[in-house]
Amino acid sequence: MAPWQTLDSIPGLIALPAIWQRRLGHDFPPFKNLCLQIRAMLTAHFPCTVQPGIIRDVVRQPDGSFIGVCRCELRECDDIPLSVEDLTPLEVNWNKLGRALCKALDFDSKPANLGIPNTIQFGSYSADAVPAILTIQTDSHVFRRVVAELVATLNGRFILFAPTSDHFDARSQSLLARVKAAFFALDAHVVLTSHGTVHSRTPPGQLFASFRPDPKNSPGEDVARQTLALAKALDAEHRVRKAPPYLVFLLYCAEGLSPVEIARSCHCTKGLVFIRLRWLRTKLGRDLAELRQYSAHFENIEQSLSDPRARNIHRRSLAHTYPAQDAEE
């Protein structure tokens, strides 16, 4: 199974390493790094590797070691030695998984216990602090009840995540629509890397565009307008050929691209993008990650400017058409 499908299939989100290994395959090491933790207990049973569905009794030997004794009727399986690690379950660390998702999706970390089984708030999005919720269920009826309780409890917009869309049906969709909430399946939008991290398939600013504050009604427009004007002024003083500061500012703060994606768009190194971001943070006196909450304002203001570079927001083409005074680091 893929990692997200595995979460939908393990009741209680706790199992022996052998079970996680069998279901995750080559994804087991990175997934373990991502969100699995040791549960301080030893199991009294171990799954049989010969006959699925059969378990072995764990017997402690006089020397303190453990063996798995076959319980099948024919008793054809030899006893197997077992280590403490084999018998110690691994469970999902919700907080660690939530922090990883916040980083991948550009959410503010905001963990909260909602009092709903296998469901947490792990973050919030935009200046409106729209709650980001993760629920992991193994039954469609339970999933639907969780959605109904979230709608009744929060009574407002929220972003709901689950490992897959297997339990998401028309009834759940109708419930979410009542409060203008939305559902996203992790397997469709989040990728597990070989290093045990996750990243979004789509720029978060684009994925959650409907949850941005309304520029016409938000007090953040003045902040966005002032910051955008200062970024343009700084850009005029620092004309460079590759990764111009204003372009980097727009790609990072307005479109929500990662440094790697910006480097790819500008045909430059990731290191140069980080140099530009550090320079902008120093000159603007603001945390650029926090400025992403004003992305809708940047879009709206930029389209209203007379500058032809900004009117249609063809930002990637700016990397090729920008005036070429070469002041590279």
C-alpha atoms as a PDB file:
ATOM      1  CA  MET A   1       0.000   0.000   0.000  1.00  0.00           C
ATOM      2  CA  ALA A   2       0.981   3.614  -0.517  1.00  0.00           C
ATOM      3  CA  PRO A   3       1.646   5.484   2.756  1.00  0.00           C
ATOM      4  CA  TRP A   4      -1.642   7.388   2.895  1.00  0.00           C
ATOM      5  CA  GLN A   5      -3.760   4.322   2.077  1.00  0.00           C
ATOM      6  CA  THR A   6      -1.995   2.521   4.920  1.00  0.00           C
ATOM      7  CA  LEU A   7      -3.240   5.091   7.430  1.00  0.00           C
ATOM      8  CA  ASP A   8      -6.804   4.403   6.321  1.00  0.00           C
ATOM      9  CA  SER A   9      -6.353   0.681   6.950  1.00  0.00           C
ATOM     10  CA  ILE A  10      -4.852   0.389  10.454  1.00  0.00           C
ATOM     11  CA  PRO A  11      -7.395   0.719  13.285  1.00  0.00           C
ATOM     12  CA  GLY A  12      -6.135   2.879  16.125  1.00  0.00           C
ATOM     13  CA  LEU A  13      -3.085   3.826  14.033  1.00  0.00           C
ATOM     14  CA  ILE A  14      -0.910   1.480  16.082  1.00  0.00           C
ATOM     15  CA  ALA A  15       0.688  -1.766  14.866  1.00  0.00           C
ATOM     16  CA  LEU A  16       3.846  -3.836  15.111  1.00  0.00           C
ATOM     17  CA  PRO A  17       6.783  -2.846  12.888  1.00  0.00           C
ATOM     18  CA  ALA A  18       6.250  -6.035  10.820  1.00  0.00           C
ATOM     19  CA  ILE A  19       2.722  -4.917   9.932  1.00  0.00           C
ATOM     20  CA  TRP A  20       3.787  -1.377   9.032  1.00  0.00           C
ATOM     21  CA  GLN A  21       6.660  -2.843   6.997  1.00  0.00           C
ATOM     22  CA  ARG A  22       4.419  -5.269   5.117  1.00  0.00           C
ATOM     23  CA  ARG A  23       1.875  -2.599   4.199  1.00  0.00           C
ATOM     24  CA  LEU A  24       4.272   0.245   3.454  1.00  0.00           C
ATOM     25  CA  GLY A  25       7.000  -1.709   1.652  1.00  0.00           C
ATOM     26  CA  HIS A  26       9.855   0.558   0.570  1.00  0.00           C
ATOM     27  CA  ASP A  27       7.999   3.562   2.049  1.00  0.00           C
ATOM     28  CA  PHE A  28       8.391   2.205   5.586  1.00  0.00           C
ATOM     29  CA  PRO A  29      11.733   3.918   6.489  1.00  0.00           C
ATOM     30  CA  PRO A  30      10.733   7.427   5.319  1.00  0.00           C
ATOM     31  CA  PHE A  31       7.223   7.083   6.745  1.00  0.00           C
ATOM     32  CA  LYS A  32       8.680   5.995  10.082  1.00  0.00           C
ATOM     33  CA  ASN A  33      10.868   9.101  10.072  1.00  0.00           C
ATOM     34  CA  LEU A  34       7.864  11.225   9.157  1.00  0.00           C
ATOM     35  CA  CYS A  35       5.422  10.339  11.899  1.00  0.00           C
ATOM     36  CA  LEU A  36       5.819   6.960  13.637  1.00  0.00           C
ATOM     37  CA  GLN A  37       6.912   6.668  17.259  1.00  0.00           C
ATOM     38  CA  ILE A  38       7.524   3.802  19.685  1.00  0.00           C
ATOM     39  CA  ARG A  39       4.690   2.815  22.021  1.00  0.00           C
ATOM     40  CA  ALA A  40       6.146   1.789  25.389  1.00  0.00           C
ATOM     41  CA  MET A  41       4.675  -1.711  25.616  1.00  0.00           C
ATOM     42  CA  LEU A  42       5.349  -5.272  24.446  1.00  0.00           C
ATOM     43  CA  THR A  43       2.764  -7.315  22.589  1.00  0.00           C
ATOM     44  CA  ALA A  44       1.841 -10.865  23.584  1.00  0.00           C
ATOM     45  CA  HIS A  45       1.177 -11.956  19.996  1.00  0.00           C
ATOM     46  CA  PHE A  46       3.014 -11.751  16.697  1.00  0.00           C
ATOM     47  CA  PRO A  47       1.607 -12.204  13.166  1.00  0.00           C
ATOM     48  CA  CYS A  48       2.552 -15.395  11.345  1.00  0.00           C
ATOM     49  CA  THR A  49       4.632 -14.751   8.249  1.00  0.00           C
ATOM     50  CA  VAL A  50       3.666 -18.087   6.683  1.00  0.00           C
ATOM     51  CA  GLN A  51      -0.124 -18.113   7.027  1.00  0.00           C
ATOM     52  CA  PRO A  52      -1.859 -14.694   6.853  1.00  0.00           C
ATOM     53  CA  GLY A  53      -4.440 -14.184   9.575  1.00  0.00           C
ATOM     54  CA  ILE A  54      -2.731 -16.561  11.995  1.00  0.00           C
ATOM     55  CA  ILE A  55      -0.912 -15.201  15.037  1.00  0.00           C
ATOM     56  CA  ARG A  56       1.923 -16.584  17.120  1.00  0.00           C
ATOM     57  CA  ASP A  57       2.052 -16.623  20.889  1.00  0.00           C
ATOM     58  CA  VAL A  58       5.048 -14.765  22.275  1.00  0.00           C
ATOM     59  CA  VAL A  59       6.898 -16.860  24.850  1.00  0.00           C
ATOM     60  CA  ARG A  60       9.686 -15.505  27.021  1.00  0.00           C
ATOM     61  CA  GLN A  61      12.605 -17.888  27.442  1.00  0.00           C
ATOM     62  CA  PRO A  62      14.510 -18.438  30.691  1.00  0.00           C
ATOM     63  CA  ASP A  63      17.421 -16.404  29.346  1.00  0.00           C
ATOM     64  CA  GLY A  64      15.119 -13.420  28.755  1.00  0.00           C
ATOM     65  CA  SER A  65      14.848 -13.813  24.975  1.00  0.00           C
ATOM     66  CA  PHE A  66      11.545 -14.209  23.119  1.00  0.00           C
ATOM     67  CA  ILE A  67      10.213 -16.722  20.570  1.00  0.00           C
ATOM     68  CA  GLY A  68       7.044 -16.778  18.507  1.00  0.00           C
ATOM     69  CA  VAL A  69       5.163 -20.087  18.841  1.00  0.00           C
ATOM     70  CA  CYS A  70       2.874 -21.067  15.984  1.00  0.00           C
ATOM     71  CA  ARG A  71      -0.852 -21.375  16.775  1.00  0.00           C
ATOM     72  CA  CYS A  72      -2.026 -22.909  13.489  1.00  0.00           C
ATOM     73  CA  GLU A  73      -3.722 -26.291  13.737  1.00  0.00           C
ATOM     74  CA  LEU A  74      -1.092 -28.226  11.806  1.00  0.00           C
ATOM     75  CA  ARG A  75       1.790 -26.737  13.823  1.00  0.00           C
ATOM     76  CA  GLU A  76       3.926 -26.754  10.691  1.00  0.00           C
ATOM     77  CA  CYS A  77       5.666 -23.446  11.388  1.00  0.00           C
ATOM     78  CA  ASP A  78       8.936 -23.451  13.268  1.00  0.00           C
ATOM     79  CA  ASP A  79       9.294 -21.237  16.299  1.00  0.00           C
ATOM     80  CA  ILE A  80      10.989 -17.945  15.427  1.00  0.00           C
ATOM     81  CA  PRO A  81      13.239 -15.757  17.572  1.00  0.00           C
ATOM     82  CA  LEU A  82      11.853 -12.302  18.277  1.00  0.00           C
ATOM     83  CA  SER A  83      13.544  -9.166  19.546  1.00  0.00           C
ATOM     84  CA  VAL A  84      12.161  -6.451  21.783  1.00  0.00           C
ATOM     85  CA  GLU A  85      12.053  -4.195  18.728  1.00  0.00           C
ATOM     86  CA  ASP A  86       9.908  -6.787  16.890  1.00  0.00           C
ATOM     87  CA  LEU A  87       7.412  -6.808  19.758  1.00  0.00           C
ATOM     88  CA  THR A  88       7.230  -3.052  20.370  1.00  0.00           C
ATOM     89  CA  PRO A  89       4.361  -1.363  18.473  1.00  0.00           C
ATOM     90  CA  LEU A  90       4.735   1.810  16.474  1.00  0.00           C
ATOM     91  CA  GLU A  91       2.001   4.443  16.514  1.00  0.00           C
ATOM     92  CA  VAL A  92       1.315   7.633  14.607  1.00  0.00           C
ATOM     93  CA  ASN A  93       2.630  10.787  16.248  1.00  0.00           C
ATOM     94  CA  TRP A  94      -0.150  13.237  15.390  1.00  0.00           C
ATOM     95  CA  ASN A  95       1.786  16.339  16.377  1.00  0.00           C
ATOM     96  CA  LYS A  96       4.805  15.392  14.285  1.00  0.00           C
ATOM     97  CA  LEU A  97       2.626  14.616  11.268  1.00  0.00           C
ATOM     98  CA  GLY A  98       0.759  17.891  11.751  1.00  0.00           C
ATOM     99  CA  ARG A  99       3.967  19.934  11.857  1.00  0.00           C
ATOM    100  CA  ALA A 100       5.190  18.264   8.666  1.00  0.00           C
ATOM    101  CA  LEU A 101       1.911  19.061   6.899  1.00  0.00           C
ATOM    102  CA  CYS A 102       2.073  22.687   8.071  1.00  0.00           C
ATOM    103  CA  LYS A 103       5.533  23.033   6.583  1.00  0.00           C
ATOM    104  CA  ALA A 104       4.512  21.424   3.290  1.00  0.00           C
ATOM    105  CA  LEU A 105       1.286  23.420   2.931  1.00  0.00           C
ATOM    106  CA  ASP A 106       2.463  26.793   4.300  1.00  0.00           C
ATOM    107  CA  PHE A 107       0.063  26.650   7.252  1.00  0.00           C
ATOM    108  CA  ASP A 108       0.634  28.232  10.619  1.00  0.00           C
ATOM    109  CA  SER A 109       1.119  25.497  13.219  1.00  0.00           C
ATOM    110  CA  LYS A 110      -1.899  25.582  15.508  1.00  0.00           C
ATOM    111  CA  PRO A 111      -2.483  22.185  17.158  1.00  0.00           C
ATOM    112  CA  ALA A 112      -5.720  21.732  19.072  1.00  0.00           C
ATOM    113  CA  ASN A 113      -7.593  18.794  20.539  1.00  0.00           C
ATOM    114  CA  LEU A 114     -11.144  18.887  19.195  1.00  0.00           C
ATOM    115  CA  GLY A 115     -12.444  16.043  21.337  1.00  0.00           C
ATOM    116  CA  ILE A 116     -13.305  14.015  18.232  1.00  0.00           C
ATOM    117  CA  PRO A 117     -11.747  10.526  17.839  1.00  0.00           C
ATOM    118  CA  ASN A 118      -8.716  10.387  15.541  1.00  0.00           C
ATOM    119  CA  THR A 119      -9.235  14.015  14.543  1.00  0.00           C
ATOM    120  CA  ILE A 120      -7.121  17.086  15.298  1.00  0.00           C
ATOM    121  CA  GLN A 121      -6.669  20.653  14.236  1.00  0.00           C
ATOM    122  CA  PHE A 122      -3.027  20.864  13.198  1.00  0.00           C
ATOM    123  CA  GLY A 123      -2.809  24.328  11.680  1.00  0.00           C
ATOM    124  CA  SER A 124      -4.514  27.396  10.251  1.00  0.00           C
ATOM    125  CA  TYR A 125      -4.368  29.173   6.913  1.00  0.00           C
ATOM    126  CA  SER A 126      -4.230  32.833   5.876  1.00  0.00           C
ATOM    127  CA  ALA A 127      -4.860  35.974   7.902  1.00  0.00           C
ATOM    128  CA  ASP A 128      -8.367  34.673   8.621  1.00  0.00           C
ATOM    129  CA  ALA A 129      -6.847  31.705  10.534  1.00  0.00           C
ATOM    130  CA  VAL A 130      -9.033  29.159   8.745  1.00  0.00           C
ATOM    131  CA  PRO A 131      -8.701  25.892  10.755  1.00  0.00           C
ATOM    132  CA  ALA A 132      -6.865  23.009   9.066  1.00  0.00           C
ATOM    133  CA  ILE A 133      -8.225  19.671  10.310  1.00  0.00           C
ATOM    134  CA  LEU A 134      -6.900  16.131   9.855  1.00  0.00           C
ATOM    135  CA  THR A 135      -9.097  13.089  10.446  1.00  0.00           C
ATOM    136  CA  ILE A 136      -8.004   9.475   9.960  1.00  0.00           C
ATOM    137  CA  GLN A 137     -10.821   6.923   9.952  1.00  0.00           C
ATOM    138  CA  THR A 138     -11.192   3.323   8.782  1.00  0.00           C
ATOM    139  CA  ASP A 139     -14.980   3.359   8.372  1.00  0.00           C
ATOM    140  CA  SER A 140     -17.126   5.477   6.036  1.00  0.00           C
ATOM    141  CA  HIS A 141     -19.997   5.837   8.514  1.00  0.00           C
ATOM    142  CA  VAL A 142     -17.639   7.065  11.241  1.00  0.00           C
ATOM    143  CA  PHE A 143     -16.023   9.466   8.780  1.00  0.00           C
ATOM    144  CA  ARG A 144     -19.416  10.960   7.935  1.00  0.00           C
ATOM    145  CA  ARG A 145     -20.258  11.407  11.625  1.00  0.00           C
ATOM    146  CA  VAL A 146     -16.927  13.167  12.154  1.00  0.00           C
ATOM    147  CA  VAL A 147     -17.685  15.567   9.296  1.00  0.00           C
ATOM    148  CA  ALA A 148     -21.126  16.300  10.756  1.00  0.00           C
ATOM    149  CA  GLU A 149     -19.652  16.991  14.190  1.00  0.00           C
ATOM    150  CA  LEU A 150     -16.971  19.272  12.748  1.00  0.00           C
ATOM    151  CA  VAL A 151     -19.581  21.265  10.831  1.00  0.00           C
ATOM    152  CA  ALA A 152     -21.738  21.613  13.950  1.00  0.00           C
ATOM    153  CA  THR A 153     -18.799  22.452  16.246  1.00  0.00           C
ATOM    154  CA  LEU A 154     -16.854  24.889  14.075  1.00  0.00           C
ATOM    155  CA  ASN A 155     -19.897  26.394  12.314  1.00  0.00           C
ATOM    156  CA  GLY A 156     -17.677  28.138   9.797  1.00  0.00           C
ATOM    157  CA  ARG A 157     -15.106  27.592   7.083  1.00  0.00           C
ATOM    158  CA  PHE A 158     -12.396  25.009   7.615  1.00  0.00           C
ATOM    159  CA  ILE A 159     -10.068  22.862   5.535  1.00  0.00           C
ATOM    160  CA  LEU A 160     -10.485  19.124   6.091  1.00  0.00           C
ATOM    161  CA  PHE A 161      -7.807  16.551   5.261  1.00  0.00           C
ATOM    162  CA  ALA A 162      -7.896  12.757   5.297  1.00  0.00           C
ATOM    163  CA  PRO A 163      -5.345  10.231   4.020  1.00  0.00           C
ATOM    164  CA  THR A 164      -7.543   9.315   1.022  1.00  0.00           C
ATOM    165  CA  SER A 165     -10.961  10.144  -0.402  1.00  0.00           C
ATOM    166  CA  ASP A 166     -12.183   6.559   0.079  1.00  0.00           C
ATOM    167  CA  HIS A 167     -14.645   7.576   2.825  1.00  0.00           C
ATOM    168  CA  PHE A 168     -15.643  10.930   1.320  1.00  0.00           C
ATOM    169  CA  ASP A 169     -19.102  10.766  -0.239  1.00  0.00           C
ATOM    170  CA  ALA A 170     -21.876  13.063  -1.469  1.00  0.00           C
ATOM    171  CA  ARG A 171     -23.368  13.362   2.012  1.00  0.00           C
ATOM    172  CA  SER A 172     -20.070  14.542   3.490  1.00  0.00           C
ATOM    173  CA  GLN A 173     -19.598  16.964   0.620  1.00  0.00           C
ATOM    174  CA  SER A 174     -23.059  18.404   1.219  1.00  0.00           C
ATOM    175  CA  LEU A 175     -22.314  18.905   4.909  1.00  0.00           C
ATOM    176  CA  LEU A 176     -19.066  20.753   4.166  1.00  0.00           C
ATOM    177  CA  ALA A 177     -20.777  22.960   1.586  1.00  0.00           C
ATOM    178  CA  ARG A 178     -23.110  24.323   4.274  1.00  0.00           C
ATOM    179  CA  VAL A 179     -20.233  26.134   5.957  1.00  0.00           C
ATOM    180  CA  LYS A 180     -18.099  26.679   2.829  1.00  0.00           C
ATOM    181  CA  ALA A 181     -15.525  24.157   4.027  1.00  0.00           C
ATOM    182  CA  ALA A 182     -13.466  22.019   1.650  1.00  0.00           C
ATOM    183  CA  PHE A 183     -11.968  18.534   1.610  1.00  0.00           C
ATOM    184  CA  PHE A 184      -8.495  17.507   0.416  1.00  0.00           C
ATOM    185  CA  ALA A 185      -7.099  13.970   0.272  1.00  0.00           C
ATOM    186  CA  LEU A 186      -3.429  13.690   1.203  1.00  0.00           C
ATOM    187  CA  ASP A 187      -2.727  11.014  -1.411  1.00  0.00           C
ATOM    188  CA  ALA A 188      -3.836  13.420  -4.147  1.00  0.00           C
ATOM    189  CA  HIS A 189      -2.000  16.510  -2.920  1.00  0.00           C
ATOM    190  CA  VAL A 190       0.943  15.559  -0.668  1.00  0.00           C
ATOM    191  CA  VAL A 191       4.017  13.504  -1.624  1.00  0.00           C
ATOM    192  CA  LEU A 192       6.233  11.560   0.786  1.00  0.00           C
ATOM    193  CA  THR A 193       9.930  11.904  -0.037  1.00  0.00           C
ATOM    194  CA  SER A 194      12.637   9.318   0.524  1.00  0.00           C
ATOM    195  CA  HIS A 195      14.013  11.525   3.325  1.00  0.00           C
ATOM    196  CA  GLY A 196      10.856  11.294   5.419  1.00  0.00           C
ATOM    197  CA  THR A 197       9.499  14.739   4.560  1.00  0.00           C
ATOM    198  CA  VAL A 198       6.403  15.752   2.609  1.00  0.00           C
ATOM    199  CA  HIS A 199       5.732  18.423   0.013  1.00  0.00           C
ATOM    200  CA  SER A 200       2.687  19.696  -1.827  1.00  0.00           C
ATOM    201  CA  ARG A 201       2.110  18.729  -5.469  1.00  0.00           C
ATOM    202  CA  THR A 202       0.522  22.153  -6.080  1.00  0.00           C
ATOM    203  CA  PRO A 203       1.656  25.551  -4.744  1.00  0.00           C
ATOM    204  CA  PRO A 204      -0.378  26.077  -1.546  1.00  0.00           C
ATOM    205  CA  GLY A 205      -1.337  29.598  -2.583  1.00  0.00           C
ATOM    206  CA  GLN A 206      -3.042  28.114  -5.623  1.00  0.00           C
ATOM    207  CA  LEU A 207      -4.471  25.074  -3.848  1.00  0.00           C
ATOM    208  CA  PHE A 208      -6.179  27.093  -1.110  1.00  0.00           C
ATOM    209  CA  ALA A 209      -6.937  30.237  -3.102  1.00  0.00           C
ATOM    210  CA  SER A 210     -10.615  30.174  -2.095  1.00  0.00           C
ATOM    211  CA  PHE A 211      -9.610  30.550   1.567  1.00  0.00           C
ATOM    212  CA  ARG A 212      -7.640  33.743   1.127  1.00  0.00           C
ATOM    213  CA  PRO A 213      -9.078  36.891   2.714  1.00  0.00           C
ATOM    214  CA  ASP A 214     -11.215  39.077   0.487  1.00  0.00           C
ATOM    215  CA  PRO A 215      -8.913  41.969  -0.498  1.00  0.00           C
ATOM    216  CA  LYS A 216     -11.850  44.392  -0.515  1.00  0.00           C
ATOM    217  CA  ASN A 217     -12.777  43.693   3.085  1.00  0.00           C
ATOM    218  CA  SER A 218      -9.444  42.954   4.712  1.00  0.00           C
ATOM    219  CA  PRO A 219      -7.326  45.531   6.580  1.00  0.00           C
ATOM    220  CA  GLY A 220      -4.230  43.803   5.210  1.00  0.00           C
ATOM    221  CA  GLU A 221      -4.518  45.651   1.897  1.00  0.00           C
ATOM    222  CA  ASP A 222      -2.607  48.664   3.235  1.00  0.00           C
ATOM    223  CA  VAL A 223       0.197  46.415   4.479  1.00  0.00           C
ATOM    224  CA  ALA A 224       0.335  44.612   1.144  1.00  0.00           C
ATOM    225  CA  ARG A 225       0.309  47.835  -0.871  1.00  0.00           C
ATOM    226  CA  GLN A 226       3.116  49.385   1.177  1.00  0.00           C
ATOM    227  CA  THR A 227       5.228  46.227   1.057  1.00  0.00           C
ATOM    228  CA  LEU A 228       4.723  45.788  -2.674  1.00  0.00           C
ATOM    229  CA  ALA A 229       5.683  49.404  -3.349  1.00  0.00           C
ATOM    230  CA  LEU A 230       8.823  49.049  -1.214  1.00  0.00           C
ATOM    231  CA  ALA A 231       9.771  45.801  -2.981  1.00  0.00           C
ATOM    232  CA  LYS A 232       9.462  47.540  -6.365  1.00  0.00           C
ATOM    233  CA  ALA A 233      11.559  50.476  -5.160  1.00  0.00           C
ATOM    234  CA  LEU A 234      14.263  48.179  -3.837  1.00  0.00           C
ATOM    235  CA  ASP A 235      14.214  46.259  -7.071  1.00  0.00           C
ATOM    236  CA  ALA A 236      14.894  49.439  -9.034  1.00  0.00           C
ATOM    237  CA  GLU A 237      18.031  49.987  -6.948  1.00  0.00           C
ATOM    238  CA  HIS A 238      19.268  46.416  -7.378  1.00  0.00           C
ATOM    239  CA  ARG A 239      18.900  45.532 -11.062  1.00  0.00           C
ATOM    240  CA  VAL A 240      20.275  42.076 -11.769  1.00  0.00           C
ATOM    241  CA  ARG A 241      19.955  39.609 -14.590  1.00  0.00           C
ATOM    242  CA  LYS A 242      19.097  36.418 -12.703  1.00  0.00           C
ATOM    243  CA  ALA A 243      16.360  36.065 -10.091  1.00  0.00           C
ATOM    244  CA  PRO A 244      15.505  39.792  -9.830  1.00  0.00           C
ATOM    245  CA  PRO A 245      14.301  40.632  -6.300  1.00  0.00           C
ATOM    246  CA  TYR A 246      10.846  41.828  -7.312  1.00  0.00           C
ATOM    247  CA  LEU A 247      10.220  38.660  -9.285  1.00  0.00           C
ATOM    248  CA  VAL A 248      11.436  36.499  -6.384  1.00  0.00           C
ATOM    249  CA  PHE A 249       9.188  38.471  -4.044  1.00  0.00           C
ATOM    250  CA  LEU A 250       6.131  37.868  -6.249  1.00  0.00           C
ATOM    251  CA  LEU A 251       6.821  34.176  -6.771  1.00  0.00           C
ATOM    252  CA  TYR A 252       7.410  33.555  -3.072  1.00  0.00           C
ATOM    253  CA  CYS A 253       4.868  35.845  -1.408  1.00  0.00           C
ATOM    254  CA  ALA A 254       2.093  36.058  -3.991  1.00  0.00           C
ATOM    255  CA  GLU A 255       2.221  32.660  -5.677  1.00  0.00           C
ATOM    256  CA  GLY A 256       3.494  30.720  -2.691  1.00  0.00           C
ATOM    257  CA  LEU A 257       6.261  28.908  -4.586  1.00  0.00           C
ATOM    258  CA  SER A 258       9.086  27.205  -2.726  1.00  0.00           C
ATOM    259  CA  PRO A 259      12.740  28.286  -3.219  1.00  0.00           C
ATOM    260  CA  VAL A 260      13.312  25.180  -5.338  1.00  0.00           C
ATOM    261  CA  GLU A 261      10.369  26.050  -7.598  1.00  0.00           C
ATOM    262  CA  ILE A 262      11.520  29.666  -7.850  1.00  0.00           C
ATOM    263  CA  ALA A 263      15.022  28.546  -8.834  1.00  0.00           C
ATOM    264  CA  ARG A 264      13.541  26.328 -11.523  1.00  0.00           C
ATOM    265  CA  SER A 265      11.360  29.165 -12.809  1.00  0.00           C
ATOM    266  CA  CYS A 266      14.249  31.653 -12.866  1.00  0.00           C
ATOM    267  CA  HIS A 267      16.780  29.154 -14.226  1.00  0.00           C
ATOM    268  CA  CYS A 268      19.189  29.806 -11.373  1.00  0.00           C
ATOM    269  CA  THR A 269      20.542  27.986  -8.331  1.00  0.00           C
ATOM    270  CA  LYS A 270      18.567  27.493  -5.146  1.00  0.00           C
ATOM    271  CA  GLY A 271      21.397  29.226  -3.296  1.00  0.00           C
ATOM    272  CA  LEU A 272      20.867  32.414  -5.299  1.00  0.00           C
ATOM    273  CA  VAL A 273      17.153  32.356  -4.454  1.00  0.00           C
ATOM    274  CA  PHE A 274      17.977  32.101  -0.739  1.00  0.00           C
ATOM    275  CA  ILE A 275      20.340  35.078  -1.101  1.00  0.00           C
ATOM    276  CA  ARG A 276      17.533  37.123  -2.656  1.00  0.00           C
ATOM    277  CA  LEU A 277      15.059  36.071   0.055  1.00  0.00           C
ATOM    278  CA  ARG A 278      17.459  36.968   2.876  1.00  0.00           C
ATOM    279  CA  TRP A 279      18.164  40.328   1.233  1.00  0.00           C
ATOM    280  CA  LEU A 280      14.450  41.074   0.838  1.00  0.00           C
ATOM    281  CA  ARG A 281      13.727  40.084   4.452  1.00  0.00           C
ATOM    282  CA  THR A 282      16.440  42.454   5.679  1.00  0.00           C
ATOM    283  CA  LYS A 283      15.412  45.358   3.470  1.00  0.00           C
ATOM    284  CA  LEU A 284      11.657  44.984   4.002  1.00  0.00           C
ATOM    285  CA  GLY A 285      12.035  44.324   7.728  1.00  0.00           C
ATOM    286  CA  ARG A 286       9.404  41.582   7.576  1.00  0.00           C
ATOM    287  CA  ASP A 287       9.254  37.803   7.661  1.00  0.00           C
ATOM    288  CA  LEU A 288       8.472  36.851   4.063  1.00  0.00           C
ATOM    289  CA  ALA A 289       6.647  33.692   5.159  1.00  0.00           C
ATOM    290  CA  GLU A 290       4.187  35.861   7.104  1.00  0.00           C
ATOM    291  CA  LEU A 291       3.661  38.089   4.063  1.00  0.00           C
ATOM    292  CA  ARG A 292       2.220  35.099   2.201  1.00  0.00           C
ATOM    293  CA  GLN A 293      -1.042  35.634   4.069  1.00  0.00           C
ATOM    294  CA  TYR A 294      -1.487  38.762   1.926  1.00  0.00           C
ATOM    295  CA  SER A 295      -1.107  36.882  -1.357  1.00  0.00           C
ATOM    296  CA  ALA A 296      -4.636  37.788  -2.465  1.00  0.00           C
ATOM    297  CA  HIS A 297      -3.858  41.472  -1.879  1.00  0.00           C
ATOM    298  CA  PHE A 298      -0.636  41.238  -3.872  1.00  0.00           C
ATOM    299  CA  GLU A 299      -2.525  39.680  -6.785  1.00  0.00           C
ATOM    300  CA  ASN A 300      -5.236  42.328  -6.694  1.00  0.00           C
ATOM    301  CA  ILE A 301      -2.868  45.284  -6.349  1.00  0.00           C
ATOM    302  CA  GLU A 302      -0.465  43.993  -8.949  1.00  0.00           C
ATOM    303  CA  GLN A 303      -3.184  43.650 -11.568  1.00  0.00           C
ATOM    304  CA  SER A 304      -4.249  47.243 -10.988  1.00  0.00           C
ATOM    305  CA  LEU A 305      -0.771  48.675 -11.561  1.00  0.00           C
ATOM    306  CA  SER A 306       0.178  50.336 -14.822  1.00  0.00           C
ATOM    307  CA  ASP A 307       3.492  48.469 -14.978  1.00  0.00           C
ATOM    308  CA  PRO A 308       3.105  46.034 -17.912  1.00  0.00           C
ATOM    309  CA  ARG A 309       5.300  43.558 -16.064  1.00  0.00           C
ATOM    310  CA  ALA A 310       2.671  43.304 -13.346  1.00  0.00           C
ATOM    311  CA  ARG A 311      -0.596  43.651 -15.234  1.00  0.00           C
ATOM    312  CA  ASN A 312      -0.860  40.083 -16.448  1.00  0.00           C
ATOM    313  CA  ILE A 313       1.427  38.497 -13.837  1.00  0.00           C
ATOM    314  CA  HIS A 314       3.521  36.625 -16.378  1.00  0.00           C
ATOM    315  CA  ARG A 315       6.154  36.203 -13.694  1.00  0.00           C
ATOM    316  CA  ARG A 316       8.065  33.315 -15.114  1.00  0.00           C
ATOM    317  CA  SER A 317       8.644  35.188 -18.345  1.00  0.00           C
ATOM    318  CA  LEU A 318      10.195  38.040 -16.330  1.00  0.00           C
ATOM    319  CA  ALA A 319      13.150  35.783 -15.686  1.00  0.00           C
ATOM    320  CA  HIS A 320      13.963  36.074 -19.392  1.00  0.00           C
ATOM    321  CA  THR A 321      12.899  39.650 -20.196  1.00  0.00           C
ATOM    322  CA  TYR A 322      14.252  41.526 -17.191  1.00  0.00           C
ATOM    323  CA  PRO A 323      16.814  44.310 -17.937  1.00  0.00           C
ATOM    324  CA  ALA A 324      20.234  42.762 -17.866  1.00  0.00           C
ATOM    325  CA  GLN A 325      22.592  44.774 -15.729  1.00  0.00           C
ATOM    326  CA  ASP A 326      24.771  42.041 -14.388  1.00  0.00           C
ATOM    327  CA  ALA A 327      25.280  42.550 -10.657  1.00  0.00           C
ATOM    328  CA  GLU A 328      25.374  38.880  -9.723  1.00  0.00           C
ATOM    329  CA  GLU A 329      26.710  37.720  -6.378  1.00  0.00           C
END
